[in-house]
Amino acid sequence: MLVCHCNAISDRTIRKVVRAGAVTADEVGFACGAGSCCGGCQDSIQQIIHAETGSAEQNRTESSAGTPTS
């Protein structure tokens, strides 16, 4: 699905950039150009970042939940 119409950037490209380490819309823009023109796709970029990083954060939280923090 095309997310950034100005630069013709798809959700697949954005997901790839996030998986490579971009965690902010600015980092995504720097890496692939998405969201760097009019900004109309910033909300969609944020949703993709959240979707891609949310599960990783949840896994980290679950794996540390059994560790005592005395």
PDB file of N, CA and C in Angstrom:
ATOM      1  N   MET A   1       0.841  -1.167   0.000  1.00  0.00           N
ATOM      2  CA  MET A   1       0.000   0.000   0.000  1.00  0.00           C
ATOM      3  C   MET A   1       0.895   1.242   0.000  1.00  0.00           C
ATOM      4  N   LEU A   2       0.582   2.184  -0.822  1.00  0.00           N
ATOM      5  CA  LEU A   2       1.331   3.432  -0.887  1.00  0.00           C
ATOM      6  C   LEU A   2       0.989   4.291   0.325  1.00  0.00           C
ATOM      7  N   VAL A   3       1.991   4.673   1.080  1.00  0.00           N
ATOM      8  CA  VAL A   3       1.790   5.490   2.278  1.00  0.00           C
ATOM      9  C   VAL A   3       2.162   6.932   1.983  1.00  0.00           C
ATOM     10  N   CYS A   4       3.337   7.148   1.435  1.00  0.00           N
ATOM     11  CA  CYS A   4       3.814   8.498   1.114  1.00  0.00           C
ATOM     12  C   CYS A   4       3.613   8.731  -0.386  1.00  0.00           C
ATOM     13  N   HIS A   5       2.610   9.510  -0.714  1.00  0.00           N
ATOM     14  CA  HIS A   5       2.302   9.759  -2.125  1.00  0.00           C
ATOM     15  C   HIS A   5       3.323  10.700  -2.766  1.00  0.00           C
ATOM     16  N   CYS A   6       3.849  11.627  -1.997  1.00  0.00           N
ATOM     17  CA  CYS A   6       4.820  12.576  -2.556  1.00  0.00           C
ATOM     18  C   CYS A   6       6.067  11.877  -3.091  1.00  0.00           C
ATOM     19  N   ASN A   7       6.528  10.871  -2.350  1.00  0.00           N
ATOM     20  CA  ASN A   7       7.763  10.176  -2.720  1.00  0.00           C
ATOM     21  C   ASN A   7       7.537   8.742  -3.177  1.00  0.00           C
ATOM     22  N   ALA A   8       6.263   8.352  -3.312  1.00  0.00           N
ATOM     23  CA  ALA A   8       5.894   7.003  -3.755  1.00  0.00           C
ATOM     24  C   ALA A   8       6.563   5.921  -2.905  1.00  0.00           C
ATOM     25  N   ILE A   9       6.388   6.012  -1.581  1.00  0.00           N
ATOM     26  CA  ILE A   9       6.975   5.064  -0.643  1.00  0.00           C
ATOM     27  C   ILE A   9       5.856   4.181  -0.080  1.00  0.00           C
ATOM     28  N   SER A  10       6.064   2.880  -0.159  1.00  0.00           N
ATOM     29  CA  SER A  10       5.056   1.931   0.309  1.00  0.00           C
ATOM     30  C   SER A  10       5.251   1.587   1.784  1.00  0.00           C
ATOM     31  N   ASP A  11       4.222   0.966   2.357  1.00  0.00           N
ATOM     32  CA  ASP A  11       4.317   0.497   3.740  1.00  0.00           C
ATOM     33  C   ASP A  11       5.409  -0.560   3.872  1.00  0.00           C
ATOM     34  N   ARG A  12       5.638  -1.349   2.837  1.00  0.00           N
ATOM     35  CA  ARG A  12       6.693  -2.364   2.883  1.00  0.00           C
ATOM     36  C   ARG A  12       8.067  -1.731   3.081  1.00  0.00           C
ATOM     37  N   THR A  13       8.310  -0.649   2.370  1.00  0.00           N
ATOM     38  CA  THR A  13       9.596   0.043   2.506  1.00  0.00           C
ATOM     39  C   THR A  13       9.737   0.627   3.902  1.00  0.00           C
ATOM     40  N   ILE A  14       8.670   1.227   4.403  1.00  0.00           N
ATOM     41  CA  ILE A  14       8.710   1.825   5.746  1.00  0.00           C
ATOM     42  C   ILE A  14       8.938   0.734   6.789  1.00  0.00           C
ATOM     43  N   ARG A  15       8.252  -0.386   6.657  1.00  0.00           N
ATOM     44  CA  ARG A  15       8.433  -1.497   7.597  1.00  0.00           C
ATOM     45  C   ARG A  15       9.877  -2.008   7.568  1.00  0.00           C
ATOM     46  N   LYS A  16      10.454  -2.089   6.391  1.00  0.00           N
ATOM     47  CA  LYS A  16      11.841  -2.536   6.254  1.00  0.00           C
ATOM     48  C   LYS A  16      12.794  -1.573   6.972  1.00  0.00           C
ATOM     49  N   VAL A  17      12.548  -0.286   6.818  1.00  0.00           N
ATOM     50  CA  VAL A  17      13.387   0.728   7.457  1.00  0.00           C
ATOM     51  C   VAL A  17      13.248   0.657   8.977  1.00  0.00           C
ATOM     52  N   VAL A  18      12.021   0.460   9.464  1.00  0.00           N
ATOM     53  CA  VAL A  18      11.801   0.351  10.904  1.00  0.00           C
ATOM     54  C   VAL A  18      12.487  -0.906  11.441  1.00  0.00           C
ATOM     55  N   ARG A  19      12.380  -2.004  10.730  1.00  0.00           N
ATOM     56  CA  ARG A  19      13.041  -3.242  11.162  1.00  0.00           C
ATOM     57  C   ARG A  19      14.554  -3.095  11.166  1.00  0.00           C
ATOM     58  N   ALA A  20      15.057  -2.180  10.346  1.00  0.00           N
ATOM     59  CA  ALA A  20      16.503  -1.928  10.302  1.00  0.00           C
ATOM     60  C   ALA A  20      16.952  -0.975  11.407  1.00  0.00           C
ATOM     61  N   GLY A  21      15.986  -0.412  12.166  1.00  0.00           N
ATOM     62  CA  GLY A  21      16.376   0.396  13.314  1.00  0.00           C
ATOM     63  C   GLY A  21      15.759   1.773  13.440  1.00  0.00           C
ATOM     64  N   ALA A  22      15.061   2.256  12.425  1.00  0.00           N
ATOM     65  CA  ALA A  22      14.428   3.583  12.528  1.00  0.00           C
ATOM     66  C   ALA A  22      13.259   3.498  13.498  1.00  0.00           C
ATOM     67  N   VAL A  23      13.232   4.392  14.498  1.00  0.00           N
ATOM     68  CA  VAL A  23      12.165   4.340  15.496  1.00  0.00           C
ATOM     69  C   VAL A  23      11.368   5.638  15.595  1.00  0.00           C
ATOM     70  N   THR A  24      11.703   6.621  14.768  1.00  0.00           N
ATOM     71  CA  THR A  24      10.937   7.864  14.730  1.00  0.00           C
ATOM     72  C   THR A  24      10.590   8.174  13.270  1.00  0.00           C
ATOM     73  N   ALA A  25       9.584   9.026  13.092  1.00  0.00           N
ATOM     74  CA  ALA A  25       9.205   9.427  11.737  1.00  0.00           C
ATOM     75  C   ALA A  25      10.355  10.156  11.050  1.00  0.00           C
ATOM     76  N   ASP A  26      11.125  10.924  11.802  1.00  0.00           N
ATOM     77  CA  ASP A  26      12.285  11.614  11.218  1.00  0.00           C
ATOM     78  C   ASP A  26      13.325  10.618  10.716  1.00  0.00           C
ATOM     79  N   GLU A  27      13.576   9.570  11.491  1.00  0.00           N
ATOM     80  CA  GLU A  27      14.536   8.551  11.072  1.00  0.00           C
ATOM     81  C   GLU A  27      14.044   7.809   9.833  1.00  0.00           C
ATOM     82  N   VAL A  28      12.733   7.538   9.787  1.00  0.00           N
ATOM     83  CA  VAL A  28      12.161   6.896   8.607  1.00  0.00           C
ATOM     84  C   VAL A  28      12.342   7.805   7.400  1.00  0.00           C
ATOM     85  N   GLY A  29      12.044   9.092   7.572  1.00  0.00           N
ATOM     86  CA  GLY A  29      12.204  10.057   6.484  1.00  0.00           C
ATOM     87  C   GLY A  29      13.634  10.139   5.990  1.00  0.00           C
ATOM     88  N   PHE A  30      14.569  10.134   6.909  1.00  0.00           N
ATOM     89  CA  PHE A  30      15.974  10.190   6.536  1.00  0.00           C
ATOM     90  C   PHE A  30      16.387   8.942   5.767  1.00  0.00           C
ATOM     91  N   ALA A  31      15.875   7.784   6.208  1.00  0.00           N
ATOM     92  CA  ALA A  31      16.270   6.522   5.601  1.00  0.00           C
ATOM     93  C   ALA A  31      15.660   6.268   4.229  1.00  0.00           C
ATOM     94  N   CYS A  32      14.391   6.685   4.045  1.00  0.00           N
ATOM     95  CA  CYS A  32      13.746   6.332   2.772  1.00  0.00           C
ATOM     96  C   CYS A  32      12.992   7.487   2.117  1.00  0.00           C
ATOM     97  N   GLY A  33      12.871   8.616   2.801  1.00  0.00           N
ATOM     98  CA  GLY A  33      12.197   9.775   2.220  1.00  0.00           C
ATOM     99  C   GLY A  33      10.728   9.898   2.577  1.00  0.00           C
ATOM    100  N   ALA A  34      10.142   8.860   3.177  1.00  0.00           N
ATOM    101  CA  ALA A  34       8.716   8.918   3.517  1.00  0.00           C
ATOM    102  C   ALA A  34       8.451  10.001   4.547  1.00  0.00           C
ATOM    103  N   GLY A  35       7.457  10.816   4.289  1.00  0.00           N
ATOM    104  CA  GLY A  35       7.063  11.857   5.224  1.00  0.00           C
ATOM    105  C   GLY A  35       7.912  13.104   5.193  1.00  0.00           C
ATOM    106  N   SER A  36       8.800  13.214   4.232  1.00  0.00           N
ATOM    107  CA  SER A  36       9.729  14.343   4.219  1.00  0.00           C
ATOM    108  C   SER A  36       9.273  15.511   3.339  1.00  0.00           C
ATOM    109  N   CYS A  37       8.111  15.390   2.725  1.00  0.00           N
ATOM    110  CA  CYS A  37       7.605  16.506   1.890  1.00  0.00           C
ATOM    111  C   CYS A  37       6.460  17.226   2.580  1.00  0.00           C
ATOM    112  N   CYS A  38       5.246  16.814   2.306  1.00  0.00           N
ATOM    113  CA  CYS A  38       4.088  17.546   2.836  1.00  0.00           C
ATOM    114  C   CYS A  38       3.734  17.145   4.265  1.00  0.00           C
ATOM    115  N   GLY A  39       4.127  15.961   4.697  1.00  0.00           N
ATOM    116  CA  GLY A  39       3.835  15.509   6.057  1.00  0.00           C
ATOM    117  C   GLY A  39       2.470  14.866   6.225  1.00  0.00           C
ATOM    118  N   GLY A  40       1.722  14.738   5.162  1.00  0.00           N
ATOM    119  CA  GLY A  40       0.391  14.162   5.248  1.00  0.00           C
ATOM    120  C   GLY A  40       0.368  12.704   5.664  1.00  0.00           C
ATOM    121  N   CYS A  41       1.474  12.017   5.548  1.00  0.00           N
ATOM    122  CA  CYS A  41       1.528  10.598   5.884  1.00  0.00           C
ATOM    123  C   CYS A  41       2.156  10.341   7.250  1.00  0.00           C
ATOM    124  N   GLN A  42       2.465  11.386   7.997  1.00  0.00           N
ATOM    125  CA  GLN A  42       3.133  11.225   9.288  1.00  0.00           C
ATOM    126  C   GLN A  42       2.357  10.318  10.243  1.00  0.00           C
ATOM    127  N   ASP A  43       1.036  10.454  10.306  1.00  0.00           N
ATOM    128  CA  ASP A  43       0.243   9.597  11.196  1.00  0.00           C
ATOM    129  C   ASP A  43       0.349   8.133  10.780  1.00  0.00           C
ATOM    130  N   SER A  44       0.302   7.880   9.491  1.00  0.00           N
ATOM    131  CA  SER A  44       0.424   6.499   9.004  1.00  0.00           C
ATOM    132  C   SER A  44       1.805   5.943   9.308  1.00  0.00           C
ATOM    133  N   ILE A  45       2.825   6.757   9.163  1.00  0.00           N
ATOM    134  CA  ILE A  45       4.187   6.324   9.484  1.00  0.00           C
ATOM    135  C   ILE A  45       4.284   5.980  10.961  1.00  0.00           C
ATOM    136  N   GLN A  46       3.710   6.825  11.822  1.00  0.00           N
ATOM    137  CA  GLN A  46       3.724   6.564  13.263  1.00  0.00           C
ATOM    138  C   GLN A  46       3.011   5.252  13.588  1.00  0.00           C
ATOM    139  N   GLN A  47       1.902   4.985  12.916  1.00  0.00           N
ATOM    140  CA  GLN A  47       1.169   3.741  13.142  1.00  0.00           C
ATOM    141  C   GLN A  47       2.001   2.531  12.738  1.00  0.00           C
ATOM    142  N   ILE A  48       2.718   2.645  11.639  1.00  0.00           N
ATOM    143  CA  ILE A  48       3.578   1.541  11.192  1.00  0.00           C
ATOM    144  C   ILE A  48       4.718   1.331  12.181  1.00  0.00           C
ATOM    145  N   ILE A  49       5.322   2.413  12.648  1.00  0.00           N
ATOM    146  CA  ILE A  49       6.397   2.303  13.639  1.00  0.00           C
ATOM    147  C   ILE A  49       5.868   1.595  14.880  1.00  0.00           C
ATOM    148  N   HIS A  50       4.707   2.016  15.350  1.00  0.00           N
ATOM    149  CA  HIS A  50       4.120   1.406  16.549  1.00  0.00           C
ATOM    150  C   HIS A  50       3.832  -0.077  16.324  1.00  0.00           C
ATOM    151  N   ALA A  51       3.270  -0.402  15.177  1.00  0.00           N
ATOM    152  CA  ALA A  51       2.948  -1.796  14.868  1.00  0.00           C
ATOM    153  C   ALA A  51       4.203  -2.660  14.813  1.00  0.00           C
ATOM    154  N   GLU A  52       5.272  -2.118  14.253  1.00  0.00           N
ATOM    155  CA  GLU A  52       6.505  -2.889  14.096  1.00  0.00           C
ATOM    156  C   GLU A  52       7.302  -2.980  15.394  1.00  0.00           C
ATOM    157  N   THR A  53       7.259  -1.955  16.224  1.00  0.00           N
ATOM    158  CA  THR A  53       8.067  -1.959  17.446  1.00  0.00           C
ATOM    159  C   THR A  53       7.270  -2.363  18.666  1.00  0.00           C
ATOM    160  N   GLY A  54       5.960  -2.245  18.621  1.00  0.00           N
ATOM    161  CA  GLY A  54       5.123  -2.577  19.769  1.00  0.00           C
ATOM    162  C   GLY A  54       5.260  -4.019  20.203  1.00  0.00           C
ATOM    163  N   SER A  55       5.282  -4.937  19.244  1.00  0.00           N
ATOM    164  CA  SER A  55       5.390  -6.350  19.600  1.00  0.00           C
ATOM    165  C   SER A  55       6.764  -6.652  20.194  1.00  0.00           C
ATOM    166  N   ALA A  56       7.805  -6.007  19.710  1.00  0.00           N
ATOM    167  CA  ALA A  56       9.146  -6.216  20.250  1.00  0.00           C
ATOM    168  C   ALA A  56       9.219  -5.693  21.680  1.00  0.00           C
ATOM    169  N   GLU A  57       8.613  -4.532  21.946  1.00  0.00           N
ATOM    170  CA  GLU A  57       8.605  -3.982  23.296  1.00  0.00           C
ATOM    171  C   GLU A  57       7.817  -4.888  24.228  1.00  0.00           C
ATOM    172  N   GLN A  58       6.703  -5.428  23.756  1.00  0.00           N
ATOM    173  CA  GLN A  58       5.889  -6.313  24.566  1.00  0.00           C
ATOM    174  C   GLN A  58       6.685  -7.570  24.920  1.00  0.00           C
ATOM    175  N   ASN A  59       7.405  -8.127  23.959  1.00  0.00           N
ATOM    176  CA  ASN A  59       8.205  -9.321  24.216  1.00  0.00           C
ATOM    177  C   ASN A  59       9.289  -9.046  25.245  1.00  0.00           C
ATOM    178  N   ARG A  60       9.942  -7.895  25.176  1.00  0.00           N
ATOM    179  CA  ARG A  60      10.966  -7.542  26.147  1.00  0.00           C
ATOM    180  C   ARG A  60      10.358  -7.416  27.534  1.00  0.00           C
ATOM    181  N   THR A  61       9.180  -6.802  27.649  1.00  0.00           N
ATOM    182  CA  THR A  61       8.520  -6.620  28.927  1.00  0.00           C
ATOM    183  C   THR A  61       8.133  -7.976  29.522  1.00  0.00           C
ATOM    184  N   GLU A  62       7.589  -8.866  28.691  1.00  0.00           N
ATOM    185  CA  GLU A  62       7.176 -10.178  29.161  1.00  0.00           C
ATOM    186  C   GLU A  62       8.372 -11.005  29.617  1.00  0.00           C
ATOM    187  N   SER A  63       9.483 -10.930  28.923  1.00  0.00           N
ATOM    188  CA  SER A  63      10.636 -11.739  29.285  1.00  0.00           C
ATOM    189  C   SER A  63      11.300 -11.226  30.552  1.00  0.00           C
ATOM    190  N   SER A  64      11.168  -9.939  30.876  1.00  0.00           N
ATOM    191  CA  SER A  64      11.759  -9.407  32.100  1.00  0.00           C
ATOM    192  C   SER A  64      10.789  -9.440  33.259  1.00  0.00           C
ATOM    193  N   ALA A  65       9.525  -9.808  33.030  1.00  0.00           N
ATOM    194  CA  ALA A  65       8.519  -9.813  34.087  1.00  0.00           C
ATOM    195  C   ALA A  65       8.841 -10.851  35.155  1.00  0.00           C
ATOM    196  N   GLY A  66       9.479 -11.938  34.808  1.00  0.00           N
ATOM    197  CA  GLY A  66       9.806 -12.974  35.777  1.00  0.00           C
ATOM    198  C   GLY A  66      11.084 -12.705  36.545  1.00  0.00           C
ATOM    199  N   THR A  67      11.782 -11.643  36.221  1.00  0.00           N
ATOM    200  CA  THR A  67      13.048 -11.315  36.866  1.00  0.00           C
ATOM    201  C   THR A  67      12.809 -10.455  38.100  1.00  0.00           C
ATOM    202  N   PRO A  68      13.255 -10.885  39.276  1.00  0.00           N
ATOM    203  CA  PRO A  68      13.081 -10.053  40.474  1.00  0.00           C
ATOM    204  C   PRO A  68      13.832  -8.750  40.361  1.00  0.00           C
ATOM    205  N   THR A  69      13.248  -7.675  40.889  1.00  0.00           N
ATOM    206  CA  THR A  69      13.866  -6.348  40.801  1.00  0.00           C
ATOM    207  C   THR A  69      14.199  -5.785  42.170  1.00  0.00           C
ATOM    208  N   SER A  70      14.455  -6.621  43.166  1.00  0.00           N
ATOM    209  CA  SER A  70      14.700  -6.197  44.534  1.00  0.00           C
ATOM    210  C   SER A  70      15.528  -5.000  44.541  1.00  0.00           C
TER     211      SER A  70
END
